[in-house]
Structures are given as C-alpha cells and as structure tokens.
C-alpha cells in the first residue's frame, strides 16, 4: 500500500475551540509541526492552514481545515486535487468518542461513526478509502450529552492521556508514511496490551 503524503487534522478554528476534545485532530498535527519547528500558514485556495514537514525523509503536507468541522470535506478535497494526492495517501486525524482518552487507533476505510468531519469528507469524496487516526476522547455516557462533551475541555487527567496517546501515534508515524501500516498498527495498538477499544456503540452525530 502507498505511503502517506497528506495528513489532515480535524477541528474547529478559533481560540474558543483550541483545547476542546473535538480539536484532538488539530492537536495531533500541531504537535507534529511544532516538533519539527514548522508553523502553519493560511492558504485560501485550500480552505485551511498548511505546512510541510519531513517524516523519515519523506515530505508530507499537513492541513488544518478552517471551514469548521462539518465542512471539512471542502478543504480535504481541495488539498488532494491541488497537491495531486490520492485519498489512500491521506491520513485524517480526528477525535473518537468510542475510544477512551489515551487510546489511539489507525484505521483504513469504514463508516464515519457519526463524526461530522469524516461524514463530510466521505460525502465529498464519494467513498471512505482513506486512512484515519482515531484519537480517543471518551464518551459522556449518554447521547444527549455528546455535543457539550466534544465542545468542552477535557479534565487535566484526560488531556494528559490524550497528549500521551498522540505522542505514541507520532512515534509510529514514520512507519505509516513509509506504507508499513500493519507494522504501525501493531506497535500502536499493543502498547503492553493495556489499552483497548471500549466499543460502547454510542455513535451519535456531533
């Protein structure tokens, strides 16, 4: 399978959303960029902020859509077309209700699970054949509490867990960029076997 050439972090623009759970995808690409001393700059034609990093010697574009979460597909499709990148060479990092904070999983294809950013990307592409990095944020326990949960800030304990999960994902990223997704999954999904999917089935649109 081809490696990665574009990594997209999903979130909502604006200072008021900066540290909210829904912006976990932004957290991931921000950590990746800052780790290499790179800064994002706005690109109107791509409807978002972009920068370029090198991962294992491979140049990779980073994108943070500025369209708000439920319109993420506009930016993703624009970037794929502009950079002439295939969807299967793209990784989308997003918050995941059905994983505990600190649990991070790689996935290819499949449903959007009620995540509005993924929903819009799939709608714009007409398919779901792209990679995802599912950053666990936990579930509030009831579907009626989902919106304030994702748009709220995590506790200090949960934020630390999310940040640590992102760090583990960054550690295996060179494997994914190189197309070694099975190996990347093996390393990421079995950190001593202590983290697992909760699988509570609460897939509520947010």
N, C-alpha and C. Protein backbone atom coordinates (compact mmCIF):
# COMPACT_ATOMS: atom_id res chain seq x y z
N UNK A 1 0.85 -1.20 0.00
CA UNK A 1 0.00 0.00 0.00
C UNK A 1 0.89 1.25 0.00
N UNK A 2 0.42 2.26 -0.72
CA UNK A 2 1.17 3.50 -0.81
C UNK A 2 1.29 4.16 0.56
N UNK A 3 2.36 4.93 0.72
CA UNK A 3 2.57 5.66 1.96
C UNK A 3 1.73 6.92 2.03
N UNK A 4 2.05 7.78 2.99
CA UNK A 4 1.28 9.00 3.22
C UNK A 4 1.97 10.22 2.63
N UNK A 5 1.17 11.10 2.03
CA UNK A 5 1.69 12.36 1.52
C UNK A 5 0.94 13.56 2.09
N UNK A 6 -0.22 13.31 2.70
CA UNK A 6 -1.02 14.38 3.30
C UNK A 6 -1.60 13.88 4.62
N UNK A 7 -1.42 14.69 5.67
CA UNK A 7 -2.02 14.40 6.96
C UNK A 7 -2.92 15.56 7.34
N UNK A 8 -4.18 15.26 7.60
CA UNK A 8 -5.18 16.27 7.92
C UNK A 8 -5.58 16.12 9.38
N UNK A 9 -5.58 17.21 10.10
CA UNK A 9 -6.11 17.22 11.46
C UNK A 9 -7.46 17.90 11.45
N UNK A 10 -8.47 17.26 12.04
CA UNK A 10 -9.81 17.85 12.07
C UNK A 10 -10.03 18.61 13.37
N UNK A 11 -10.76 19.72 13.25
CA UNK A 11 -11.08 20.53 14.41
C UNK A 11 -11.87 21.75 13.98
N UNK A 12 -12.14 22.62 14.93
CA UNK A 12 -12.82 23.88 14.66
C UNK A 12 -11.84 25.03 14.86
N UNK A 13 -11.82 26.00 13.94
CA UNK A 13 -10.91 27.14 14.08
C UNK A 13 -11.39 28.10 15.17
N UNK A 14 -10.47 28.85 15.72
CA UNK A 14 -10.84 29.86 16.72
C UNK A 14 -10.33 29.50 18.10
N UNK A 15 -9.93 30.54 18.83
CA UNK A 15 -9.32 30.34 20.15
C UNK A 15 -10.26 29.63 21.12
N UNK A 16 -11.58 29.85 20.97
CA UNK A 16 -12.53 29.27 21.92
C UNK A 16 -12.61 27.75 21.81
N UNK A 17 -12.14 27.20 20.67
CA UNK A 17 -12.19 25.75 20.47
C UNK A 17 -10.83 25.08 20.65
N UNK A 18 -9.81 25.88 20.93
CA UNK A 18 -8.43 25.42 20.85
C UNK A 18 -8.17 24.12 21.61
N UNK A 19 -8.58 24.04 22.87
CA UNK A 19 -8.27 22.87 23.70
C UNK A 19 -9.49 21.98 23.93
N UNK A 20 -10.50 22.09 23.07
CA UNK A 20 -11.67 21.23 23.22
C UNK A 20 -11.38 19.83 22.69
N UNK A 21 -12.17 18.87 23.15
CA UNK A 21 -11.99 17.48 22.74
C UNK A 21 -12.13 17.32 21.22
N UNK A 22 -13.06 18.08 20.63
CA UNK A 22 -13.33 17.96 19.20
C UNK A 22 -12.12 18.36 18.35
N UNK A 23 -11.17 19.06 18.96
CA UNK A 23 -9.99 19.52 18.23
C UNK A 23 -8.79 18.59 18.39
N UNK A 24 -9.02 17.37 18.81
CA UNK A 24 -7.92 16.43 19.01
C UNK A 24 -7.11 16.21 17.73
N UNK A 25 -7.78 16.29 16.58
CA UNK A 25 -7.06 16.16 15.30
C UNK A 25 -6.11 17.32 15.07
N UNK A 26 -6.54 18.53 15.44
CA UNK A 26 -5.66 19.69 15.38
C UNK A 26 -4.46 19.49 16.32
N UNK A 27 -4.74 18.95 17.53
CA UNK A 27 -3.66 18.73 18.48
C UNK A 27 -2.57 17.87 17.85
N UNK A 28 -3.00 16.84 17.11
CA UNK A 28 -2.04 15.90 16.52
C UNK A 28 -1.13 16.59 15.50
N UNK A 29 -1.72 17.31 14.54
CA UNK A 29 -0.88 17.93 13.51
C UNK A 29 -0.09 19.11 14.07
N UNK A 30 -0.63 19.79 15.08
CA UNK A 30 0.13 20.87 15.74
C UNK A 30 1.38 20.30 16.41
N UNK A 31 1.21 19.15 17.08
CA UNK A 31 2.36 18.52 17.74
C UNK A 31 3.39 18.07 16.71
N UNK A 32 2.91 17.57 15.58
CA UNK A 32 3.81 17.12 14.52
C UNK A 32 4.60 18.29 13.94
N UNK A 33 3.91 19.39 13.66
CA UNK A 33 4.57 20.57 13.09
C UNK A 33 5.55 21.20 14.08
N UNK A 34 5.11 21.38 15.32
CA UNK A 34 5.96 22.05 16.30
C UNK A 34 7.20 21.22 16.62
N UNK A 35 7.05 19.89 16.55
CA UNK A 35 8.19 19.02 16.78
C UNK A 35 9.29 19.19 15.76
N UNK A 36 8.93 19.74 14.59
CA UNK A 36 9.93 19.99 13.55
C UNK A 36 10.21 21.47 13.35
N UNK A 37 9.66 22.28 14.26
CA UNK A 37 9.91 23.71 14.19
C UNK A 37 9.20 24.39 13.03
N UNK A 38 8.12 23.77 12.54
CA UNK A 38 7.37 24.34 11.43
C UNK A 38 6.12 25.05 11.94
N UNK A 39 5.65 26.04 11.16
CA UNK A 39 4.45 26.78 11.54
C UNK A 39 3.44 26.75 10.40
N UNK A 40 2.18 26.71 10.76
CA UNK A 40 1.11 26.69 9.77
C UNK A 40 0.87 28.10 9.23
N UNK A 41 0.51 28.15 7.94
CA UNK A 41 0.13 29.41 7.31
C UNK A 41 -1.17 29.21 6.55
N UNK A 42 -2.02 30.22 6.53
CA UNK A 42 -3.32 30.08 5.88
C UNK A 42 -3.19 30.08 4.36
N UNK A 43 -3.92 29.19 3.71
CA UNK A 43 -3.94 29.10 2.24
C UNK A 43 -5.40 29.10 1.79
N UNK A 44 -5.84 30.24 1.27
CA UNK A 44 -7.24 30.41 0.92
C UNK A 44 -7.77 29.39 -0.07
N UNK A 45 -6.94 29.04 -1.06
CA UNK A 45 -7.43 28.10 -2.09
C UNK A 45 -7.63 26.70 -1.54
N UNK A 46 -7.02 26.42 -0.39
CA UNK A 46 -7.18 25.10 0.23
C UNK A 46 -8.12 25.15 1.44
N UNK A 47 -8.68 26.32 1.70
CA UNK A 47 -9.67 26.48 2.78
C UNK A 47 -9.12 26.01 4.13
N UNK A 48 -7.84 26.32 4.38
CA UNK A 48 -7.26 25.89 5.64
C UNK A 48 -5.83 26.35 5.82
N UNK A 49 -5.23 25.92 6.90
CA UNK A 49 -3.84 26.22 7.20
C UNK A 49 -2.98 25.02 6.82
N UNK A 50 -1.83 25.28 6.22
CA UNK A 50 -0.96 24.20 5.77
C UNK A 50 0.49 24.44 6.21
N UNK A 51 1.24 23.37 6.23
CA UNK A 51 2.69 23.45 6.33
C UNK A 51 3.26 22.13 5.83
N UNK A 52 4.56 22.09 5.66
CA UNK A 52 5.22 20.91 5.12
C UNK A 52 6.27 20.42 6.12
N UNK A 53 6.26 19.11 6.34
CA UNK A 53 7.25 18.51 7.23
C UNK A 53 7.94 17.36 6.50
N UNK A 54 8.99 16.85 7.11
CA UNK A 54 9.65 15.65 6.59
C UNK A 54 9.57 14.57 7.65
N UNK A 55 9.05 13.42 7.26
CA UNK A 55 8.87 12.30 8.19
C UNK A 55 9.65 11.12 7.63
N UNK A 56 10.72 10.74 8.32
CA UNK A 56 11.56 9.67 7.81
C UNK A 56 12.17 10.01 6.46
N UNK A 57 12.41 11.30 6.24
CA UNK A 57 12.99 11.74 4.98
C UNK A 57 11.98 12.01 3.88
N UNK A 58 10.70 11.71 4.13
CA UNK A 58 9.65 11.89 3.12
C UNK A 58 8.92 13.21 3.36
N UNK A 59 8.77 14.07 2.34
CA UNK A 59 8.00 15.30 2.52
C UNK A 59 6.51 14.99 2.62
N UNK A 60 5.86 15.57 3.62
CA UNK A 60 4.43 15.34 3.86
C UNK A 60 3.77 16.68 4.14
N UNK A 61 2.63 16.92 3.49
CA UNK A 61 1.85 18.13 3.73
C UNK A 61 0.94 17.93 4.93
N UNK A 62 0.79 18.96 5.75
CA UNK A 62 -0.16 18.95 6.86
C UNK A 62 -1.25 19.97 6.56
N UNK A 63 -2.47 19.65 6.94
CA UNK A 63 -3.61 20.53 6.68
C UNK A 63 -4.53 20.61 7.89
N UNK A 64 -4.91 21.84 8.24
CA UNK A 64 -5.94 22.07 9.25
C UNK A 64 -7.08 22.87 8.59
N UNK A 65 -8.19 22.21 8.25
CA UNK A 65 -9.29 22.94 7.61
C UNK A 65 -9.78 24.09 8.48
N UNK A 66 -10.09 25.21 7.84
CA UNK A 66 -10.60 26.37 8.58
C UNK A 66 -12.09 26.55 8.33
N UNK A 67 -12.74 25.49 7.87
CA UNK A 67 -14.13 25.55 7.44
C UNK A 67 -15.12 25.18 8.54
N UNK A 68 -14.65 24.87 9.73
CA UNK A 68 -15.41 24.25 10.81
C UNK A 68 -15.62 22.77 10.48
N UNK A 69 -15.78 22.00 11.54
CA UNK A 69 -15.76 20.54 11.45
C UNK A 69 -16.68 19.97 10.37
N UNK A 70 -17.94 20.44 10.35
CA UNK A 70 -18.92 19.78 9.48
C UNK A 70 -18.77 20.15 8.00
N UNK A 71 -17.76 20.95 7.66
CA UNK A 71 -17.48 21.26 6.26
C UNK A 71 -16.04 20.88 5.89
N UNK A 72 -15.48 19.95 6.61
CA UNK A 72 -14.07 19.57 6.43
C UNK A 72 -13.77 19.04 5.04
N UNK A 73 -14.76 18.43 4.38
CA UNK A 73 -14.54 17.82 3.08
C UNK A 73 -14.08 18.80 2.02
N UNK A 74 -14.53 20.04 2.11
CA UNK A 74 -14.15 21.07 1.12
C UNK A 74 -12.64 21.24 1.10
N UNK A 75 -12.06 21.38 2.30
CA UNK A 75 -10.61 21.59 2.40
C UNK A 75 -9.84 20.34 1.99
N UNK A 76 -10.29 19.17 2.43
CA UNK A 76 -9.57 17.93 2.14
C UNK A 76 -9.53 17.66 0.65
N UNK A 77 -10.68 17.76 0.00
CA UNK A 77 -10.73 17.51 -1.45
C UNK A 77 -9.91 18.55 -2.22
N UNK A 78 -9.96 19.80 -1.77
CA UNK A 78 -9.17 20.85 -2.42
C UNK A 78 -7.68 20.55 -2.33
N UNK A 79 -7.23 20.10 -1.15
CA UNK A 79 -5.81 19.79 -0.97
C UNK A 79 -5.39 18.57 -1.79
N UNK A 80 -6.22 17.54 -1.82
CA UNK A 80 -5.90 16.35 -2.61
C UNK A 80 -5.74 16.69 -4.09
N UNK A 81 -6.65 17.53 -4.58
CA UNK A 81 -6.60 17.91 -6.00
C UNK A 81 -5.39 18.80 -6.29
N UNK A 82 -5.15 19.76 -5.41
CA UNK A 82 -4.08 20.72 -5.66
C UNK A 82 -2.71 20.04 -5.62
N UNK A 83 -2.51 19.17 -4.63
CA UNK A 83 -1.21 18.50 -4.49
C UNK A 83 -1.11 17.22 -5.32
N UNK A 84 -2.23 16.88 -6.02
CA UNK A 84 -2.27 15.64 -6.82
C UNK A 84 -1.94 14.41 -5.97
N UNK A 85 -2.67 14.30 -4.88
CA UNK A 85 -2.51 13.20 -3.93
C UNK A 85 -3.77 12.34 -3.95
N UNK A 86 -3.58 11.03 -3.94
CA UNK A 86 -4.71 10.11 -3.91
C UNK A 86 -5.27 10.00 -2.49
N UNK A 87 -6.59 9.78 -2.34
CA UNK A 87 -7.17 9.66 -1.00
C UNK A 87 -6.48 8.61 -0.12
N UNK A 88 -6.04 7.49 -0.74
CA UNK A 88 -5.39 6.44 0.05
C UNK A 88 -3.99 6.83 0.51
N UNK A 89 -3.51 8.01 0.08
CA UNK A 89 -2.24 8.56 0.56
C UNK A 89 -2.47 9.63 1.63
N UNK A 90 -3.69 9.67 2.13
CA UNK A 90 -4.08 10.70 3.11
C UNK A 90 -4.46 10.05 4.44
N UNK A 91 -4.01 10.67 5.53
CA UNK A 91 -4.38 10.27 6.88
C UNK A 91 -5.17 11.40 7.52
N UNK A 92 -6.34 11.10 8.05
CA UNK A 92 -7.18 12.09 8.72
C UNK A 92 -7.20 11.78 10.21
N UNK A 93 -6.70 12.71 11.01
CA UNK A 93 -6.68 12.55 12.47
C UNK A 93 -7.93 13.23 13.05
N UNK A 94 -8.65 12.50 13.89
CA UNK A 94 -9.90 13.05 14.43
C UNK A 94 -10.18 12.51 15.82
N UNK A 95 -11.05 13.20 16.55
CA UNK A 95 -11.48 12.75 17.87
C UNK A 95 -12.42 11.56 17.71
N UNK A 96 -12.36 10.65 18.68
CA UNK A 96 -13.15 9.42 18.62
C UNK A 96 -13.84 9.17 19.97
N UNK A 97 -15.17 9.28 19.96
CA UNK A 97 -15.96 9.09 21.17
C UNK A 97 -15.85 7.67 21.72
N UNK A 98 -15.72 6.69 20.85
CA UNK A 98 -15.80 5.29 21.25
C UNK A 98 -14.47 4.70 21.69
N UNK A 99 -13.48 5.56 21.92
CA UNK A 99 -12.21 5.12 22.49
C UNK A 99 -11.93 5.95 23.75
N UNK A 100 -11.38 5.31 24.76
CA UNK A 100 -11.01 6.02 25.99
C UNK A 100 -9.92 7.05 25.72
N UNK A 101 -9.87 8.12 26.50
CA UNK A 101 -8.77 9.07 26.39
C UNK A 101 -7.43 8.34 26.54
N UNK A 102 -6.52 8.61 25.61
CA UNK A 102 -5.22 7.95 25.63
C UNK A 102 -5.13 6.76 24.70
N UNK A 103 -6.29 6.25 24.25
CA UNK A 103 -6.30 5.17 23.28
C UNK A 103 -6.34 5.76 21.88
N UNK A 104 -5.41 5.35 21.02
CA UNK A 104 -5.33 5.88 19.66
C UNK A 104 -5.23 4.70 18.71
N UNK A 105 -5.99 4.75 17.62
CA UNK A 105 -6.05 3.64 16.69
C UNK A 105 -5.92 4.12 15.24
N UNK A 106 -5.22 3.35 14.43
CA UNK A 106 -5.18 3.57 12.99
C UNK A 106 -6.25 2.72 12.33
N UNK A 107 -6.80 3.24 11.24
CA UNK A 107 -7.87 2.53 10.53
C UNK A 107 -7.88 2.98 9.08
N UNK A 108 -8.30 2.08 8.18
CA UNK A 108 -8.47 2.44 6.77
C UNK A 108 -9.89 2.10 6.36
N UNK A 109 -10.54 3.05 5.68
CA UNK A 109 -11.90 2.84 5.16
C UNK A 109 -12.89 2.68 6.31
N UNK A 110 -14.11 2.33 6.01
CA UNK A 110 -15.14 2.14 7.03
C UNK A 110 -16.05 3.34 7.18
N UNK A 111 -17.01 3.22 8.08
CA UNK A 111 -18.00 4.27 8.29
C UNK A 111 -17.44 5.48 9.02
N UNK A 112 -18.28 6.53 9.10
CA UNK A 112 -17.84 7.76 9.77
C UNK A 112 -18.17 7.77 11.26
N UNK A 113 -18.99 6.81 11.70
CA UNK A 113 -19.28 6.69 13.13
C UNK A 113 -19.94 7.92 13.74
N UNK A 114 -20.60 8.74 12.91
CA UNK A 114 -21.25 9.93 13.43
C UNK A 114 -20.33 11.13 13.57
N UNK A 115 -19.06 10.98 13.20
CA UNK A 115 -18.12 12.10 13.29
C UNK A 115 -18.36 13.00 12.07
N UNK A 116 -18.81 14.23 12.32
CA UNK A 116 -19.27 15.08 11.22
C UNK A 116 -18.18 15.47 10.23
N UNK A 117 -16.94 15.58 10.71
CA UNK A 117 -15.84 15.87 9.79
C UNK A 117 -15.63 14.73 8.82
N UNK A 118 -15.59 13.50 9.34
CA UNK A 118 -15.46 12.33 8.48
C UNK A 118 -16.66 12.21 7.55
N UNK A 119 -17.85 12.46 8.08
CA UNK A 119 -19.07 12.38 7.28
C UNK A 119 -18.97 13.27 6.04
N UNK A 120 -18.48 14.51 6.24
CA UNK A 120 -18.40 15.45 5.13
C UNK A 120 -17.29 15.07 4.14
N UNK A 121 -16.18 14.55 4.65
CA UNK A 121 -15.10 14.11 3.75
C UNK A 121 -15.59 12.97 2.87
N UNK A 122 -16.27 11.99 3.47
CA UNK A 122 -16.80 10.86 2.71
C UNK A 122 -17.80 11.35 1.67
N UNK A 123 -18.65 12.31 2.05
CA UNK A 123 -19.64 12.85 1.12
C UNK A 123 -18.97 13.52 -0.08
N UNK A 124 -17.90 14.26 0.17
CA UNK A 124 -17.21 14.96 -0.92
C UNK A 124 -16.41 14.01 -1.80
N UNK A 125 -15.81 12.99 -1.19
CA UNK A 125 -15.03 12.03 -1.97
C UNK A 125 -15.91 11.03 -2.71
N UNK A 126 -17.04 10.70 -2.10
CA UNK A 126 -17.90 9.66 -2.67
C UNK A 126 -17.49 8.27 -2.20
N UNK A 127 -16.52 8.20 -1.31
CA UNK A 127 -16.07 6.93 -0.74
C UNK A 127 -15.31 7.22 0.54
N UNK A 128 -14.86 6.15 1.23
CA UNK A 128 -14.18 6.32 2.51
C UNK A 128 -12.79 5.71 2.51
N UNK A 129 -12.20 5.59 1.32
CA UNK A 129 -10.91 4.89 1.22
C UNK A 129 -9.74 5.83 1.51
N UNK A 130 -9.64 6.21 2.77
CA UNK A 130 -8.51 6.99 3.27
C UNK A 130 -8.21 6.49 4.68
N UNK A 131 -7.03 6.82 5.16
CA UNK A 131 -6.60 6.37 6.48
C UNK A 131 -7.13 7.33 7.55
N UNK A 132 -7.39 6.78 8.74
CA UNK A 132 -7.81 7.60 9.87
C UNK A 132 -6.91 7.32 11.07
N UNK A 133 -6.69 8.35 11.85
CA UNK A 133 -6.08 8.20 13.16
C UNK A 133 -7.14 8.60 14.16
N UNK A 134 -7.65 7.63 14.88
CA UNK A 134 -8.76 7.84 15.81
C UNK A 134 -8.18 8.14 17.19
N UNK A 135 -8.35 9.38 17.62
CA UNK A 135 -7.80 9.83 18.90
C UNK A 135 -8.91 9.78 19.94
N UNK A 136 -8.80 8.85 20.88
CA UNK A 136 -9.86 8.66 21.86
C UNK A 136 -10.05 9.85 22.78
N UNK A 137 -11.33 10.23 22.97
CA UNK A 137 -11.67 11.32 23.90
C UNK A 137 -12.65 10.84 24.97
N UNK A 138 -13.09 9.57 24.87
CA UNK A 138 -14.07 9.07 25.83
C UNK A 138 -15.47 9.52 25.46
N UNK A 139 -16.46 8.92 26.14
CA UNK A 139 -17.87 9.21 25.87
C UNK A 139 -18.53 9.69 27.16
N UNK A 140 -19.41 10.69 27.08
CA UNK A 140 -20.03 11.21 28.31
C UNK A 140 -21.05 10.25 28.93
N UNK A 141 -21.42 9.19 28.21
CA UNK A 141 -22.33 8.20 28.78
C UNK A 141 -23.75 8.24 28.25
N UNK A 142 -24.13 9.37 27.65
CA UNK A 142 -25.47 9.49 27.09
C UNK A 142 -25.41 10.35 25.84
N UNK A 143 -26.18 9.96 24.82
CA UNK A 143 -26.10 10.67 23.54
C UNK A 143 -26.49 12.15 23.65
N UNK A 144 -27.37 12.49 24.60
CA UNK A 144 -27.79 13.89 24.74
C UNK A 144 -26.68 14.78 25.29
N UNK A 145 -25.63 14.15 25.83
CA UNK A 145 -24.52 14.93 26.40
C UNK A 145 -23.34 15.06 25.45
N UNK A 146 -23.46 14.47 24.25
CA UNK A 146 -22.32 14.39 23.34
C UNK A 146 -21.84 15.77 22.88
N UNK A 147 -22.77 16.63 22.44
CA UNK A 147 -22.36 17.92 21.88
C UNK A 147 -21.59 18.77 22.89
N UNK A 148 -22.13 19.00 24.11
CA UNK A 148 -21.33 19.78 25.07
C UNK A 148 -20.04 19.06 25.47
N UNK A 149 -20.03 17.73 25.41
CA UNK A 149 -18.83 16.97 25.74
C UNK A 149 -17.71 17.24 24.74
N UNK A 150 -18.01 17.07 23.45
CA UNK A 150 -16.96 17.24 22.45
C UNK A 150 -16.52 18.69 22.32
N UNK A 151 -17.43 19.63 22.61
CA UNK A 151 -17.08 21.04 22.50
C UNK A 151 -16.55 21.61 23.82
N UNK A 152 -16.41 20.73 24.81
CA UNK A 152 -15.85 21.13 26.09
C UNK A 152 -14.40 20.71 26.22
N UNK A 153 -13.75 21.21 27.26
CA UNK A 153 -12.35 20.86 27.51
C UNK A 153 -12.28 19.62 28.38
N UNK A 154 -11.35 18.73 28.10
CA UNK A 154 -11.18 17.55 28.95
C UNK A 154 -10.58 17.93 30.29
N UNK A 155 -10.73 17.03 31.25
CA UNK A 155 -10.07 17.21 32.54
C UNK A 155 -8.56 17.16 32.34
N UNK A 156 -7.82 17.61 33.34
CA UNK A 156 -6.37 17.57 33.25
C UNK A 156 -5.89 16.14 33.03
N UNK A 157 -6.49 15.19 33.74
CA UNK A 157 -6.12 13.79 33.60
C UNK A 157 -6.38 13.28 32.19
N UNK A 158 -7.57 13.60 31.65
CA UNK A 158 -7.90 13.14 30.30
C UNK A 158 -7.04 13.83 29.25
N UNK A 159 -6.77 15.12 29.44
CA UNK A 159 -5.92 15.83 28.48
C UNK A 159 -4.52 15.23 28.45
N UNK A 160 -3.99 14.92 29.62
CA UNK A 160 -2.67 14.28 29.68
C UNK A 160 -2.68 12.95 28.94
N UNK A 161 -3.77 12.18 29.12
CA UNK A 161 -3.89 10.88 28.45
C UNK A 161 -3.95 11.06 26.94
N UNK A 162 -4.73 12.05 26.47
CA UNK A 162 -4.85 12.30 25.04
C UNK A 162 -3.49 12.71 24.45
N UNK A 163 -2.80 13.60 25.15
CA UNK A 163 -1.48 14.05 24.68
C UNK A 163 -0.50 12.88 24.62
N UNK A 164 -0.55 12.00 25.62
CA UNK A 164 0.33 10.84 25.62
C UNK A 164 -0.01 9.89 24.48
N UNK A 165 -1.30 9.74 24.18
CA UNK A 165 -1.71 8.91 23.05
C UNK A 165 -1.22 9.47 21.73
N UNK A 166 -1.31 10.78 21.59
CA UNK A 166 -0.80 11.44 20.39
C UNK A 166 0.70 11.23 20.24
N UNK A 167 1.42 11.29 21.35
CA UNK A 167 2.88 11.06 21.31
C UNK A 167 3.19 9.65 20.81
N UNK A 168 2.41 8.66 21.26
CA UNK A 168 2.63 7.30 20.78
C UNK A 168 2.34 7.18 19.29
N UNK A 169 1.30 7.90 18.84
CA UNK A 169 0.98 7.88 17.41
C UNK A 169 2.09 8.51 16.59
N UNK A 170 2.67 9.59 17.11
CA UNK A 170 3.78 10.24 16.41
C UNK A 170 4.98 9.30 16.29
N UNK A 171 5.16 8.45 17.29
CA UNK A 171 6.29 7.51 17.28
C UNK A 171 6.18 6.51 16.13
N UNK A 172 4.95 6.10 15.78
CA UNK A 172 4.79 5.09 14.72
C UNK A 172 4.52 5.72 13.36
N UNK A 173 4.40 7.04 13.33
CA UNK A 173 4.05 7.72 12.08
C UNK A 173 5.04 7.45 10.94
N UNK A 174 6.36 7.39 11.20
CA UNK A 174 7.27 7.10 10.09
C UNK A 174 6.95 5.77 9.38
N UNK A 175 6.48 4.78 10.12
CA UNK A 175 6.10 3.51 9.51
C UNK A 175 4.91 3.70 8.57
N UNK A 176 3.91 4.47 9.02
CA UNK A 176 2.74 4.72 8.19
C UNK A 176 3.09 5.51 6.94
N UNK A 177 3.93 6.53 7.11
CA UNK A 177 4.36 7.34 5.96
C UNK A 177 5.07 6.47 4.93
N UNK A 178 5.77 5.46 5.42
CA UNK A 178 6.51 4.53 4.55
C UNK A 178 5.62 3.44 3.96
N UNK A 179 4.33 3.47 4.31
CA UNK A 179 3.40 2.46 3.78
C UNK A 179 3.33 1.19 4.59
N UNK A 180 4.03 1.15 5.73
CA UNK A 180 4.03 -0.05 6.58
C UNK A 180 2.92 0.06 7.65
N UNK A 181 1.67 0.10 7.17
CA UNK A 181 0.54 0.34 8.07
C UNK A 181 0.31 -0.80 9.05
N UNK A 182 0.46 -2.03 8.60
CA UNK A 182 0.27 -3.16 9.50
C UNK A 182 1.24 -3.10 10.67
N UNK A 183 2.48 -2.77 10.36
CA UNK A 183 3.50 -2.67 11.40
C UNK A 183 3.21 -1.50 12.34
N UNK A 184 2.78 -0.37 11.75
CA UNK A 184 2.43 0.80 12.56
C UNK A 184 1.28 0.46 13.51
N UNK A 185 0.27 -0.25 12.98
CA UNK A 185 -0.88 -0.64 13.81
C UNK A 185 -0.45 -1.57 14.93
N UNK A 186 0.42 -2.51 14.59
CA UNK A 186 0.88 -3.48 15.58
C UNK A 186 1.55 -2.77 16.76
N UNK A 187 2.40 -1.80 16.45
CA UNK A 187 3.10 -1.07 17.51
C UNK A 187 2.14 -0.17 18.30
N UNK A 188 1.24 0.50 17.58
CA UNK A 188 0.36 1.47 18.23
C UNK A 188 -0.75 0.79 19.04
N UNK A 189 -1.27 -0.31 18.52
CA UNK A 189 -2.45 -0.92 19.12
C UNK A 189 -2.12 -1.87 20.27
N UNK A 190 -0.84 -2.18 20.46
CA UNK A 190 -0.49 -3.10 21.55
C UNK A 190 0.61 -2.52 22.44
N UNK A 191 0.35 -1.35 23.06
CA UNK A 191 1.34 -0.78 23.99
C UNK A 191 1.29 -1.51 25.33
N UNK A 192 1.81 -2.73 25.33
CA UNK A 192 1.76 -3.53 26.55
C UNK A 192 0.41 -4.18 26.76
N UNK A 193 -0.49 -3.97 25.77
CA UNK A 193 -1.80 -4.59 25.85
C UNK A 193 -2.71 -3.99 26.90
N UNK A 194 -2.42 -2.78 27.35
CA UNK A 194 -3.21 -2.20 28.44
C UNK A 194 -4.38 -1.37 27.93
N UNK A 195 -4.31 -0.88 26.70
CA UNK A 195 -5.39 -0.05 26.17
C UNK A 195 -6.20 -0.82 25.15
N UNK A 196 -7.49 -0.72 25.25
CA UNK A 196 -8.35 -1.41 24.30
C UNK A 196 -9.56 -0.59 23.96
N UNK A 197 -10.25 -0.94 22.89
CA UNK A 197 -11.47 -0.25 22.49
C UNK A 197 -12.57 -0.53 23.51
N UNK A 198 -13.31 0.50 23.83
CA UNK A 198 -14.45 0.29 24.72
C UNK A 198 -15.62 -0.30 23.95
N UNK A 199 -15.80 0.19 22.70
CA UNK A 199 -16.85 -0.37 21.87
C UNK A 199 -18.22 -0.25 22.49
N UNK A 200 -18.57 0.94 23.04
CA UNK A 200 -19.86 1.07 23.72
C UNK A 200 -21.01 1.28 22.76
N UNK A 201 -20.72 1.46 21.46
CA UNK A 201 -21.77 1.52 20.47
C UNK A 201 -22.49 2.84 20.38
N UNK A 202 -22.13 3.82 21.19
CA UNK A 202 -22.81 5.12 21.15
C UNK A 202 -22.20 5.98 20.05
N UNK A 203 -22.74 5.84 18.86
CA UNK A 203 -22.22 6.60 17.73
C UNK A 203 -23.22 7.69 17.38
N UNK A 204 -23.16 8.76 18.11
CA UNK A 204 -24.13 9.83 17.94
C UNK A 204 -23.54 10.95 17.10
N UNK A 205 -24.28 11.43 16.08
CA UNK A 205 -23.76 12.53 15.27
C UNK A 205 -23.49 13.76 16.12
N UNK A 206 -22.33 14.39 15.88
CA UNK A 206 -21.99 15.64 16.59
C UNK A 206 -21.41 16.61 15.60
